[in-house]
Amino acid sequence: HRLLGDRGVVRRAKESCGDGGKVHPGGTVLVRGASASIMTSLSKELHLTIGGVGVRPSVETMRVKPRKVALYNSWVASMDEGWTRWLLEQFEFDFVNVSDAEIRAGALRNRFDVIVFPSQSRNAIVEGHRKGTLPPQFVGGLSPAGVRNIKSFVEEGGTLVTLNTACLFAVSELGLPVNDVLKDVRPPGRREPPKKEPPKFACPGSLLTMTFDNGHPVAYGMPEEAPAMFNRSPAFGTHPTFENKAPVVVAKYPDKDLLRSGYLLGERYLKNKASVVEVPLGQGRVILLGFGVQNRAQPHATFKLLFNSIYYGSSE
């Protein structure tokens, strides 16, 4: 972020590249035009491994440019929004909060390139506070008009990034060719009536194994397998489309030995199901990050999925 702008040209390699016997993985950050003193200073201050290359790598790249990023902030208070905002601030992202009223007003593509929705239920996002419970300016949520504006934002070339339970908002409201495979088996939520039969699936907050396609821009820098935070999360099945814009699975649960730490009932419902999906929509994309990639700003190993998603939506 400090290099973006007039201090250098920042690009990311789309595939692995070699230099002097070293192999750099896809997603490696390539900087051109910054002085050696700046790079040395950044290396020392931020504890980064920065090295020079003899020649410019002959590999396809995408340029990372300063773009306009928004973080959705509902009037229904969301702890995850606070943690996400804090995390983006700590890593020096340039972003603004966007409210229900601003989204209902429309023209989002003129203002933003990427909109991030923190983990929150579909009802909290769309319905918001009930009329009569608060002053008028604080009730109503996105409303159908706001949902239409979000869809238009994506179709016009924007990137929508949804975190954990907010993915279900995108799946249900934007008509994505994706389904929540846990819909009929997970325990009821805190405000939902209890079911008569015992739950078939439960994972209230555990570390589960996931596998990653680290050749995809959203998973750049991830190992092929890593633990991740499942916290009342969805899991996805994907469906083909007629427009040759099928969803792309970026991460999924393996077919065995999912539990790393915590509690898991009904492992079979997760086996080989997707946890991170890129869904093309019009000229843009929806990125479903279907677990706690930044849960309470603690799982550093998966922060890069959120960061990569933002870079991906603001790259050329």
C-alpha atoms as a PDB file:
ATOM      1  CA  HIS A   1       0.000   0.000   0.000  1.00  0.00           C
ATOM      2  CA  ARG A   2       2.859   2.368   0.741  1.00  0.00           C
ATOM      3  CA  LEU A   3       4.299   1.678  -2.695  1.00  0.00           C
ATOM      4  CA  LEU A   4       1.067   2.294  -4.605  1.00  0.00           C
ATOM      5  CA  GLY A   5       0.908   5.644  -6.316  1.00  0.00           C
ATOM      6  CA  ASP A   6       4.073   7.579  -7.157  1.00  0.00           C
ATOM      7  CA  ARG A   7       6.639   5.387  -5.350  1.00  0.00           C
ATOM      8  CA  GLY A   8       6.659   2.487  -7.785  1.00  0.00           C
ATOM      9  CA  VAL A   9       4.668   0.200 -10.061  1.00  0.00           C
ATOM     10  CA  VAL A  10       3.235  -2.794  -8.200  1.00  0.00           C
ATOM     11  CA  ARG A  11       2.279  -5.930 -10.078  1.00  0.00           C
ATOM     12  CA  ARG A  12       1.526  -9.533  -9.111  1.00  0.00           C
ATOM     13  CA  ALA A  13       2.753 -12.538 -11.035  1.00  0.00           C
ATOM     14  CA  LYS A  14      -0.141 -14.643 -12.331  1.00  0.00           C
ATOM     15  CA  GLU A  15       1.972 -17.791 -12.197  1.00  0.00           C
ATOM     16  CA  SER A  16       5.258 -18.980 -10.754  1.00  0.00           C
ATOM     17  CA  CYS A  17       8.429 -17.432 -12.126  1.00  0.00           C
ATOM     18  CA  GLY A  18      12.110 -18.162 -11.726  1.00  0.00           C
ATOM     19  CA  ASP A  19      15.185 -16.010 -11.156  1.00  0.00           C
ATOM     20  CA  GLY A  20      18.711 -17.140 -10.458  1.00  0.00           C
ATOM     21  CA  GLY A  21      17.658 -20.625  -9.486  1.00  0.00           C
ATOM     22  CA  LYS A  22      14.851 -19.418  -7.230  1.00  0.00           C
ATOM     23  CA  VAL A  23      11.205 -20.077  -8.001  1.00  0.00           C
ATOM     24  CA  HIS A  24       8.680 -17.493  -6.897  1.00  0.00           C
ATOM     25  CA  PRO A  25       5.040 -18.639  -6.615  1.00  0.00           C
ATOM     26  CA  GLY A  26       2.045 -17.137  -8.337  1.00  0.00           C
ATOM     27  CA  GLY A  27       0.943 -13.982  -6.575  1.00  0.00           C
ATOM     28  CA  THR A  28       4.494 -12.806  -5.898  1.00  0.00           C
ATOM     29  CA  VAL A  29       4.568  -9.008  -5.671  1.00  0.00           C
ATOM     30  CA  LEU A  30       6.810  -7.451  -8.313  1.00  0.00           C
ATOM     31  CA  VAL A  31       7.838  -3.833  -7.759  1.00  0.00           C
ATOM     32  CA  ARG A  32       9.438  -1.645 -10.395  1.00  0.00           C
ATOM     33  CA  GLY A  33      10.625   1.940 -10.027  1.00  0.00           C
ATOM     34  CA  ALA A  34      11.027   2.120  -6.241  1.00  0.00           C
ATOM     35  CA  SER A  35      14.453   3.057  -4.905  1.00  0.00           C
ATOM     36  CA  ALA A  36      16.665   0.558  -3.107  1.00  0.00           C
ATOM     37  CA  SER A  37      16.577   2.716   0.021  1.00  0.00           C
ATOM     38  CA  ILE A  38      12.767   2.614   0.144  1.00  0.00           C
ATOM     39  CA  MET A  39      12.700  -1.148  -0.269  1.00  0.00           C
ATOM     40  CA  THR A  40      15.404  -1.645   2.366  1.00  0.00           C
ATOM     41  CA  SER A  41      13.474   0.569   4.788  1.00  0.00           C
ATOM     42  CA  LEU A  42      10.237  -1.358   4.211  1.00  0.00           C
ATOM     43  CA  SER A  43      12.037  -4.677   4.642  1.00  0.00           C
ATOM     44  CA  LYS A  44      13.413  -3.655   8.035  1.00  0.00           C
ATOM     45  CA  GLU A  45      10.296  -1.941   9.368  1.00  0.00           C
ATOM     46  CA  LEU A  46       7.759  -4.535   8.237  1.00  0.00           C
ATOM     47  CA  HIS A  47       9.978  -7.634   8.510  1.00  0.00           C
ATOM     48  CA  LEU A  48       9.455  -8.532   4.871  1.00  0.00           C
ATOM     49  CA  THR A  49      11.691 -10.631   2.664  1.00  0.00           C
ATOM     50  CA  ILE A  50      12.454  -8.417  -0.322  1.00  0.00           C
ATOM     51  CA  GLY A  51      14.914  -9.394  -3.027  1.00  0.00           C
ATOM     52  CA  GLY A  52      16.030  -8.070  -6.381  1.00  0.00           C
ATOM     53  CA  VAL A  53      15.876  -9.856  -9.730  1.00  0.00           C
ATOM     54  CA  GLY A  54      18.448  -9.712 -12.485  1.00  0.00           C
ATOM     55  CA  VAL A  55      15.949  -9.322 -15.289  1.00  0.00           C
ATOM     56  CA  ARG A  56      12.262  -8.568 -15.435  1.00  0.00           C
ATOM     57  CA  PRO A  57      10.401 -11.908 -15.158  1.00  0.00           C
ATOM     58  CA  SER A  58       8.806 -12.987 -18.428  1.00  0.00           C
ATOM     59  CA  VAL A  59       5.497 -13.894 -16.864  1.00  0.00           C
ATOM     60  CA  GLU A  60       1.993 -12.499 -17.201  1.00  0.00           C
ATOM     61  CA  THR A  61       1.158 -10.075 -14.416  1.00  0.00           C
ATOM     62  CA  MET A  62      -1.704  -7.941 -13.187  1.00  0.00           C
ATOM     63  CA  ARG A  63      -1.190  -4.418 -11.934  1.00  0.00           C
ATOM     64  CA  VAL A  64      -2.389  -3.462  -8.471  1.00  0.00           C
ATOM     65  CA  LYS A  65      -3.645   0.120  -8.449  1.00  0.00           C
ATOM     66  CA  PRO A  66      -5.208   2.340  -5.782  1.00  0.00           C
ATOM     67  CA  ARG A  67      -8.941   1.829  -6.094  1.00  0.00           C
ATOM     68  CA  LYS A  68     -12.073   2.714  -4.182  1.00  0.00           C
ATOM     69  CA  VAL A  69     -13.013   0.177  -1.502  1.00  0.00           C
ATOM     70  CA  ALA A  70     -16.103   0.265   0.736  1.00  0.00           C
ATOM     71  CA  LEU A  71     -16.977  -1.725   3.857  1.00  0.00           C
ATOM     72  CA  TYR A  72     -20.715  -2.167   4.431  1.00  0.00           C
ATOM     73  CA  ASN A  73     -21.847  -0.877   7.831  1.00  0.00           C
ATOM     74  CA  SER A  74     -25.413  -1.841   8.737  1.00  0.00           C
ATOM     75  CA  TRP A  75     -27.397  -0.007  11.410  1.00  0.00           C
ATOM     76  CA  VAL A  76     -27.901  -3.473  12.900  1.00  0.00           C
ATOM     77  CA  ALA A  77     -24.656  -3.555  14.852  1.00  0.00           C
ATOM     78  CA  SER A  78     -22.216  -6.197  13.630  1.00  0.00           C
ATOM     79  CA  MET A  79     -19.191  -7.156  15.698  1.00  0.00           C
ATOM     80  CA  ASP A  80     -17.635  -8.632  12.570  1.00  0.00           C
ATOM     81  CA  GLU A  81     -17.853  -5.255  10.852  1.00  0.00           C
ATOM     82  CA  GLY A  82     -15.877  -3.702  13.706  1.00  0.00           C
ATOM     83  CA  TRP A  83     -13.194  -6.359  13.572  1.00  0.00           C
ATOM     84  CA  THR A  84     -12.981  -6.165   9.771  1.00  0.00           C
ATOM     85  CA  ARG A  85     -12.711  -2.374   9.875  1.00  0.00           C
ATOM     86  CA  TRP A  86      -9.963  -2.576  12.506  1.00  0.00           C
ATOM     87  CA  LEU A  87      -8.064  -5.170  10.484  1.00  0.00           C
ATOM     88  CA  LEU A  88      -8.193  -3.130   7.267  1.00  0.00           C
ATOM     89  CA  GLU A  89      -6.994  -0.098   9.194  1.00  0.00           C
ATOM     90  CA  GLN A  90      -4.054  -2.001  10.698  1.00  0.00           C
ATOM     91  CA  PHE A  91      -2.939  -3.162   7.250  1.00  0.00           C
ATOM     92  CA  GLU A  92      -3.323   0.363   5.847  1.00  0.00           C
ATOM     93  CA  PHE A  93      -6.120  -0.244   3.356  1.00  0.00           C
ATOM     94  CA  ASP A  94      -7.705   2.924   2.015  1.00  0.00           C
ATOM     95  CA  PHE A  95     -11.465   2.396   2.393  1.00  0.00           C
ATOM     96  CA  VAL A  96     -14.694   4.024   3.534  1.00  0.00           C
ATOM     97  CA  ASN A  97     -17.769   2.752   5.338  1.00  0.00           C
ATOM     98  CA  VAL A  98     -20.983   2.680   3.304  1.00  0.00           C
ATOM     99  CA  SER A  99     -24.443   2.704   4.908  1.00  0.00           C
ATOM    100  CA  ASP A 100     -27.827   1.287   3.948  1.00  0.00           C
ATOM    101  CA  ALA A 101     -29.018   4.704   2.812  1.00  0.00           C
ATOM    102  CA  GLU A 102     -25.998   5.188   0.538  1.00  0.00           C
ATOM    103  CA  ILE A 103     -26.539   1.798  -1.073  1.00  0.00           C
ATOM    104  CA  ARG A 104     -30.247   2.494  -1.543  1.00  0.00           C
ATOM    105  CA  ALA A 105     -29.282   5.757  -3.280  1.00  0.00           C
ATOM    106  CA  GLY A 106     -27.520   3.796  -6.038  1.00  0.00           C
ATOM    107  CA  ALA A 107     -24.779   4.816  -8.501  1.00  0.00           C
ATOM    108  CA  LEU A 108     -22.386   2.565  -6.553  1.00  0.00           C
ATOM    109  CA  ARG A 109     -20.131   1.728  -9.496  1.00  0.00           C
ATOM    110  CA  ASN A 110     -19.347   5.421  -9.910  1.00  0.00           C
ATOM    111  CA  ARG A 111     -17.981   5.492  -6.369  1.00  0.00           C
ATOM    112  CA  PHE A 112     -16.497   2.060  -5.661  1.00  0.00           C
ATOM    113  CA  ASP A 113     -14.569  -0.796  -7.216  1.00  0.00           C
ATOM    114  CA  VAL A 114     -14.914  -3.240  -4.310  1.00  0.00           C
ATOM    115  CA  ILE A 115     -17.591  -3.542  -1.603  1.00  0.00           C
ATOM    116  CA  VAL A 116     -16.976  -5.847   1.378  1.00  0.00           C
ATOM    117  CA  PHE A 117     -19.868  -7.237   3.407  1.00  0.00           C
ATOM    118  CA  PRO A 118     -18.864  -8.473   6.902  1.00  0.00           C
ATOM    119  CA  SER A 119     -20.447 -11.572   8.419  1.00  0.00           C
ATOM    120  CA  GLN A 120     -24.116 -10.848   9.080  1.00  0.00           C
ATOM    121  CA  SER A 121     -27.445 -12.559   8.493  1.00  0.00           C
ATOM    122  CA  ARG A 122     -29.510 -12.005   5.380  1.00  0.00           C
ATOM    123  CA  ASN A 123     -32.388 -10.557   7.444  1.00  0.00           C
ATOM    124  CA  ALA A 124     -30.146  -8.049   9.223  1.00  0.00           C
ATOM    125  CA  ILE A 125     -28.760  -6.892   5.885  1.00  0.00           C
ATOM    126  CA  VAL A 126     -31.978  -6.695   3.871  1.00  0.00           C
ATOM    127  CA  GLU A 127     -34.626  -6.022   6.526  1.00  0.00           C
ATOM    128  CA  GLY A 128     -32.621  -4.140   9.158  1.00  0.00           C
ATOM    129  CA  HIS A 129     -34.388  -2.758  12.217  1.00  0.00           C
ATOM    130  CA  ARG A 130     -38.194  -2.887  12.179  1.00  0.00           C
ATOM    131  CA  LYS A 131     -40.115   0.309  11.618  1.00  0.00           C
ATOM    132  CA  GLY A 132     -41.153   1.927  14.865  1.00  0.00           C
ATOM    133  CA  THR A 133     -38.206   0.587  16.855  1.00  0.00           C
ATOM    134  CA  LEU A 134     -35.836   3.443  15.948  1.00  0.00           C
ATOM    135  CA  PRO A 135     -35.971   6.808  14.174  1.00  0.00           C
ATOM    136  CA  PRO A 136     -36.795   6.400  10.455  1.00  0.00           C
ATOM    137  CA  GLN A 137     -33.241   6.967   9.213  1.00  0.00           C
ATOM    138  CA  PHE A 138     -32.035   3.887  11.129  1.00  0.00           C
ATOM    139  CA  VAL A 139     -34.616   1.304   9.996  1.00  0.00           C
ATOM    140  CA  GLY A 140     -35.239  -0.799   6.911  1.00  0.00           C
ATOM    141  CA  GLY A 141     -31.882  -2.304   5.919  1.00  0.00           C
ATOM    142  CA  LEU A 142     -30.889  -2.413   2.271  1.00  0.00           C
ATOM    143  CA  SER A 143     -34.476  -3.073   1.138  1.00  0.00           C
ATOM    144  CA  PRO A 144     -35.198  -4.543  -2.320  1.00  0.00           C
ATOM    145  CA  ALA A 145     -33.956  -1.303  -3.894  1.00  0.00           C
ATOM    146  CA  GLY A 146     -30.575  -1.665  -2.209  1.00  0.00           C
ATOM    147  CA  VAL A 147     -30.310  -5.290  -3.289  1.00  0.00           C
ATOM    148  CA  ARG A 148     -30.965  -4.257  -6.887  1.00  0.00           C
ATOM    149  CA  ASN A 149     -28.264  -1.605  -6.597  1.00  0.00           C
ATOM    150  CA  ILE A 150     -25.755  -4.126  -5.280  1.00  0.00           C
ATOM    151  CA  LYS A 151     -26.527  -6.445  -8.184  1.00  0.00           C
ATOM    152  CA  SER A 152     -26.157  -3.574 -10.658  1.00  0.00           C
ATOM    153  CA  PHE A 153     -22.832  -2.637  -9.052  1.00  0.00           C
ATOM    154  CA  VAL A 154     -21.478  -6.117  -9.753  1.00  0.00           C
ATOM    155  CA  GLU A 155     -22.989  -6.424 -13.231  1.00  0.00           C
ATOM    156  CA  GLU A 156     -21.353  -3.110 -14.161  1.00  0.00           C
ATOM    157  CA  GLY A 157     -17.893  -4.427 -13.270  1.00  0.00           C
ATOM    158  CA  GLY A 158     -17.640  -4.145  -9.497  1.00  0.00           C
ATOM    159  CA  THR A 159     -16.448  -6.809  -7.066  1.00  0.00           C
ATOM    160  CA  LEU A 160     -18.593  -7.851  -4.098  1.00  0.00           C
ATOM    161  CA  VAL A 161     -16.739  -9.671  -1.303  1.00  0.00           C
ATOM    162  CA  THR A 162     -18.921 -11.387   1.296  1.00  0.00           C
ATOM    163  CA  LEU A 163     -17.623 -12.852   4.543  1.00  0.00           C
ATOM    164  CA  ASN A 164     -18.924 -15.954   6.302  1.00  0.00           C
ATOM    165  CA  THR A 165     -22.709 -15.719   6.900  1.00  0.00           C
ATOM    166  CA  ALA A 166     -23.051 -12.679   4.616  1.00  0.00           C
ATOM    167  CA  CYS A 167     -22.407 -15.114   1.752  1.00  0.00           C
ATOM    168  CA  LEU A 168     -25.948 -16.400   2.258  1.00  0.00           C
ATOM    169  CA  PHE A 169     -27.255 -12.906   1.535  1.00  0.00           C
ATOM    170  CA  ALA A 170     -25.454 -12.918  -1.810  1.00  0.00           C
ATOM    171  CA  VAL A 171     -26.559 -16.456  -2.673  1.00  0.00           C
ATOM    172  CA  SER A 172     -30.229 -15.832  -1.901  1.00  0.00           C
ATOM    173  CA  GLU A 173     -30.619 -12.272  -3.148  1.00  0.00           C
ATOM    174  CA  LEU A 174     -28.416 -12.115  -6.237  1.00  0.00           C
ATOM    175  CA  GLY A 175     -29.556 -15.360  -7.850  1.00  0.00           C
ATOM    176  CA  LEU A 176     -26.112 -16.949  -7.900  1.00  0.00           C
ATOM    177  CA  PRO A 177     -25.705 -20.508  -9.264  1.00  0.00           C
ATOM    178  CA  VAL A 178     -24.613 -21.642  -5.793  1.00  0.00           C
ATOM    179  CA  ASN A 179     -26.499 -23.294  -2.924  1.00  0.00           C
ATOM    180  CA  ASP A 180     -25.877 -23.619   0.797  1.00  0.00           C
ATOM    181  CA  VAL A 181     -25.533 -27.363   1.390  1.00  0.00           C
ATOM    182  CA  LEU A 182     -26.031 -26.945   5.149  1.00  0.00           C
ATOM    183  CA  LYS A 183     -29.357 -25.131   4.849  1.00  0.00           C
ATOM    184  CA  ASP A 184     -31.532 -28.026   6.027  1.00  0.00           C
ATOM    185  CA  VAL A 185     -29.180 -29.651   8.526  1.00  0.00           C
ATOM    186  CA  ARG A 186     -27.628 -26.876  10.631  1.00  0.00           C
ATOM    187  CA  PRO A 187     -29.077 -26.034  14.064  1.00  0.00           C
ATOM    188  CA  PRO A 188     -31.511 -23.093  14.206  1.00  0.00           C
ATOM    189  CA  GLY A 189     -30.116 -19.640  14.877  1.00  0.00           C
ATOM    190  CA  ARG A 190     -30.480 -17.756  18.134  1.00  0.00           C
ATOM    191  CA  ARG A 191     -33.720 -16.093  17.020  1.00  0.00           C
ATOM    192  CA  GLU A 192     -35.189 -19.104  15.248  1.00  0.00           C
ATOM    193  CA  PRO A 193     -37.615 -21.578  16.845  1.00  0.00           C
ATOM    194  CA  PRO A 194     -36.001 -24.877  17.943  1.00  0.00           C
ATOM    195  CA  LYS A 195     -36.449 -27.963  15.811  1.00  0.00           C
ATOM    196  CA  LYS A 196     -38.110 -31.091  17.177  1.00  0.00           C
ATOM    197  CA  GLU A 197     -35.451 -33.474  15.908  1.00  0.00           C
ATOM    198  CA  PRO A 198     -31.799 -33.258  17.025  1.00  0.00           C
ATOM    199  CA  PRO A 199     -29.445 -31.471  14.612  1.00  0.00           C
ATOM    200  CA  LYS A 200     -27.613 -33.472  11.979  1.00  0.00           C
ATOM    201  CA  PHE A 201     -24.813 -30.951  11.725  1.00  0.00           C
ATOM    202  CA  ALA A 202     -23.135 -28.705  14.280  1.00  0.00           C
ATOM    203  CA  CYS A 203     -19.856 -26.813  14.263  1.00  0.00           C
ATOM    204  CA  PRO A 204     -20.230 -23.756  16.490  1.00  0.00           C
ATOM    205  CA  GLY A 205     -16.626 -22.589  16.225  1.00  0.00           C
ATOM    206  CA  SER A 206     -13.803 -24.939  15.227  1.00  0.00           C
ATOM    207  CA  LEU A 207     -10.641 -25.207  13.165  1.00  0.00           C
ATOM    208  CA  LEU A 208     -11.222 -27.332  10.069  1.00  0.00           C
ATOM    209  CA  THR A 209      -8.898 -28.427   7.295  1.00  0.00           C
ATOM    210  CA  MET A 210      -9.350 -26.791   3.899  1.00  0.00           C
ATOM    211  CA  THR A 211      -7.590 -27.240   0.590  1.00  0.00           C
ATOM    212  CA  PHE A 212      -6.775 -24.268  -1.639  1.00  0.00           C
ATOM    213  CA  ASP A 213      -6.246 -23.642  -5.324  1.00  0.00           C
ATOM    214  CA  ASN A 214      -3.295 -21.309  -4.787  1.00  0.00           C
ATOM    215  CA  GLY A 215      -3.061 -20.641  -8.516  1.00  0.00           C
ATOM    216  CA  HIS A 216      -6.223 -18.567  -8.221  1.00  0.00           C
ATOM    217  CA  PRO A 217      -5.719 -14.854  -7.368  1.00  0.00           C
ATOM    218  CA  VAL A 218      -7.922 -15.102  -4.256  1.00  0.00           C
ATOM    219  CA  ALA A 219      -5.689 -17.850  -2.817  1.00  0.00           C
ATOM    220  CA  TYR A 220      -2.281 -16.483  -3.818  1.00  0.00           C
ATOM    221  CA  GLY A 221       0.252 -17.306  -1.122  1.00  0.00           C
ATOM    222  CA  MET A 222      -1.804 -20.009   0.559  1.00  0.00           C
ATOM    223  CA  PRO A 223      -0.449 -23.527   1.012  1.00  0.00           C
ATOM    224  CA  GLU A 224      -2.330 -26.359  -0.645  1.00  0.00           C
ATOM    225  CA  GLU A 225      -3.826 -27.301   2.733  1.00  0.00           C
ATOM    226  CA  ALA A 226      -4.322 -25.255   5.898  1.00  0.00           C
ATOM    227  CA  PRO A 227      -6.595 -24.975   8.954  1.00  0.00           C
ATOM    228  CA  ALA A 228      -9.314 -22.343   8.875  1.00  0.00           C
ATOM    229  CA  MET A 229     -11.921 -20.960  11.258  1.00  0.00           C
ATOM    230  CA  PHE A 230     -15.428 -22.371  10.788  1.00  0.00           C
ATOM    231  CA  ASN A 231     -17.893 -20.330  12.858  1.00  0.00           C
ATOM    232  CA  ARG A 232     -21.549 -21.163  12.040  1.00  0.00           C
ATOM    233  CA  SER A 233     -20.439 -20.910   8.427  1.00  0.00           C
ATOM    234  CA  PRO A 234     -22.078 -21.978   5.161  1.00  0.00           C
ATOM    235  CA  ALA A 235     -20.689 -24.471   2.665  1.00  0.00           C
ATOM    236  CA  PHE A 236     -21.427 -24.403  -1.035  1.00  0.00           C
ATOM    237  CA  GLY A 237     -22.505 -26.540  -3.907  1.00  0.00           C
ATOM    238  CA  THR A 238     -22.044 -24.996  -7.364  1.00  0.00           C
ATOM    239  CA  HIS A 239     -24.093 -25.323 -10.525  1.00  0.00           C
ATOM    240  CA  PRO A 240     -23.296 -24.913 -14.234  1.00  0.00           C
ATOM    241  CA  THR A 241     -24.648 -21.954 -16.161  1.00  0.00           C
ATOM    242  CA  PHE A 242     -25.629 -21.359 -19.780  1.00  0.00           C
ATOM    243  CA  GLU A 243     -23.433 -18.263 -20.113  1.00  0.00           C
ATOM    244  CA  ASN A 244     -20.044 -19.976 -19.767  1.00  0.00           C
ATOM    245  CA  LYS A 245     -19.551 -18.093 -16.515  1.00  0.00           C
ATOM    246  CA  ALA A 246     -19.693 -20.951 -14.073  1.00  0.00           C
ATOM    247  CA  PRO A 247     -18.620 -20.490 -10.440  1.00  0.00           C
ATOM    248  CA  VAL A 248     -14.963 -21.204  -9.722  1.00  0.00           C
ATOM    249  CA  VAL A 249     -14.108 -23.102  -6.526  1.00  0.00           C
ATOM    250  CA  VAL A 250     -11.074 -21.544  -4.823  1.00  0.00           C
ATOM    251  CA  ALA A 251     -11.129 -23.568  -1.593  1.00  0.00           C
ATOM    252  CA  LYS A 252     -12.979 -26.633  -0.390  1.00  0.00           C
ATOM    253  CA  TYR A 253     -13.165 -29.159   2.427  1.00  0.00           C
ATOM    254  CA  PRO A 254     -11.260 -32.426   1.823  1.00  0.00           C
ATOM    255  CA  ASP A 255     -12.941 -35.823   1.866  1.00  0.00           C
ATOM    256  CA  LYS A 256     -11.584 -36.898   5.289  1.00  0.00           C
ATOM    257  CA  ASP A 257     -10.008 -35.728   8.544  1.00  0.00           C
ATOM    258  CA  LEU A 258     -11.613 -32.288   8.565  1.00  0.00           C
ATOM    259  CA  LEU A 259     -11.470 -31.489  12.292  1.00  0.00           C
ATOM    260  CA  ARG A 260      -8.270 -29.896  13.587  1.00  0.00           C
ATOM    261  CA  SER A 261      -9.565 -28.470  16.863  1.00  0.00           C
ATOM    262  CA  GLY A 262     -12.997 -28.056  18.442  1.00  0.00           C
ATOM    263  CA  TYR A 263     -16.262 -29.867  17.758  1.00  0.00           C
ATOM    264  CA  LEU A 264     -17.796 -31.159  14.542  1.00  0.00           C
ATOM    265  CA  LEU A 265     -20.989 -33.196  14.118  1.00  0.00           C
ATOM    266  CA  GLY A 266     -21.929 -34.346  10.622  1.00  0.00           C
ATOM    267  CA  GLU A 267     -18.566 -34.188   8.868  1.00  0.00           C
ATOM    268  CA  ARG A 268     -20.087 -35.925   5.845  1.00  0.00           C
ATOM    269  CA  TYR A 269     -22.063 -32.818   4.937  1.00  0.00           C
ATOM    270  CA  LEU A 270     -18.852 -30.857   4.384  1.00  0.00           C
ATOM    271  CA  LYS A 271     -16.748 -33.388   2.486  1.00  0.00           C
ATOM    272  CA  ASN A 272     -15.647 -32.026  -0.904  1.00  0.00           C
ATOM    273  CA  LYS A 273     -17.933 -28.993  -0.558  1.00  0.00           C
ATOM    274  CA  ALA A 274     -16.705 -25.530  -1.460  1.00  0.00           C
ATOM    275  CA  SER A 275     -15.774 -22.925   1.136  1.00  0.00           C
ATOM    276  CA  VAL A 276     -14.518 -20.126  -1.154  1.00  0.00           C
ATOM    277  CA  VAL A 277     -16.097 -19.462  -4.557  1.00  0.00           C
ATOM    278  CA  GLU A 278     -15.693 -16.831  -7.247  1.00  0.00           C
ATOM    279  CA  VAL A 279     -18.969 -16.245  -9.095  1.00  0.00           C
ATOM    280  CA  PRO A 280     -18.936 -14.176 -12.315  1.00  0.00           C
ATOM    281  CA  LEU A 281     -21.933 -11.858 -12.597  1.00  0.00           C
ATOM    282  CA  GLY A 282     -22.284  -9.556 -15.583  1.00  0.00           C
ATOM    283  CA  GLN A 283     -18.989  -7.717 -15.998  1.00  0.00           C
ATOM    284  CA  GLY A 284     -18.027  -8.182 -12.349  1.00  0.00           C
ATOM    285  CA  ARG A 285     -17.718 -10.902  -9.756  1.00  0.00           C
ATOM    286  CA  VAL A 286     -18.946 -12.008  -6.354  1.00  0.00           C
ATOM    287  CA  ILE A 287     -16.356 -13.607  -4.064  1.00  0.00           C
ATOM    288  CA  LEU A 288     -17.850 -15.829  -1.378  1.00  0.00           C
ATOM    289  CA  LEU A 289     -15.423 -16.218   1.529  1.00  0.00           C
ATOM    290  CA  GLY A 290     -17.533 -18.763   3.359  1.00  0.00           C
ATOM    291  CA  PHE A 291     -15.759 -18.965   6.706  1.00  0.00           C
ATOM    292  CA  GLY A 292     -14.092 -16.693   9.266  1.00  0.00           C
ATOM    293  CA  VAL A 293     -11.079 -15.652   7.206  1.00  0.00           C
ATOM    294  CA  GLN A 294     -10.529 -12.694   9.593  1.00  0.00           C
ATOM    295  CA  ASN A 295     -12.483 -13.957  12.620  1.00  0.00           C
ATOM    296  CA  ARG A 296     -11.903 -11.394  15.404  1.00  0.00           C
ATOM    297  CA  ALA A 297      -8.697 -10.374  13.599  1.00  0.00           C
ATOM    298  CA  GLN A 298      -6.982 -13.533  14.861  1.00  0.00           C
ATOM    299  CA  PRO A 299      -6.354 -16.149  12.086  1.00  0.00           C
ATOM    300  CA  HIS A 300      -3.396 -14.456  10.379  1.00  0.00           C
ATOM    301  CA  ALA A 301      -2.912 -17.462   8.101  1.00  0.00           C
ATOM    302  CA  THR A 302      -6.136 -16.687   6.216  1.00  0.00           C
ATOM    303  CA  PHE A 303      -6.128 -12.860   6.237  1.00  0.00           C
ATOM    304  CA  LYS A 304      -4.622 -12.977   2.743  1.00  0.00           C
ATOM    305  CA  LEU A 305      -7.854 -14.430   1.315  1.00  0.00           C
ATOM    306  CA  LEU A 306      -9.636 -11.195   2.195  1.00  0.00           C
ATOM    307  CA  PHE A 307      -6.715  -9.036   1.103  1.00  0.00           C
ATOM    308  CA  ASN A 308      -6.293 -10.958  -2.148  1.00  0.00           C
ATOM    309  CA  SER A 309      -9.998 -10.580  -2.875  1.00  0.00           C
ATOM    310  CA  ILE A 310      -9.709  -6.812  -2.536  1.00  0.00           C
ATOM    311  CA  TYR A 311      -6.571  -6.683  -4.705  1.00  0.00           C
ATOM    312  CA  TYR A 312      -8.230  -8.958  -7.279  1.00  0.00           C
ATOM    313  CA  GLY A 313     -11.159  -6.576  -7.516  1.00  0.00           C
ATOM    314  CA  SER A 314      -8.882  -3.563  -8.000  1.00  0.00           C
ATOM    315  CA  SER A 315      -6.288  -4.981 -10.409  1.00  0.00           C
ATOM    316  CA  GLU A 316      -5.741  -4.665 -14.135  1.00  0.00           C
END
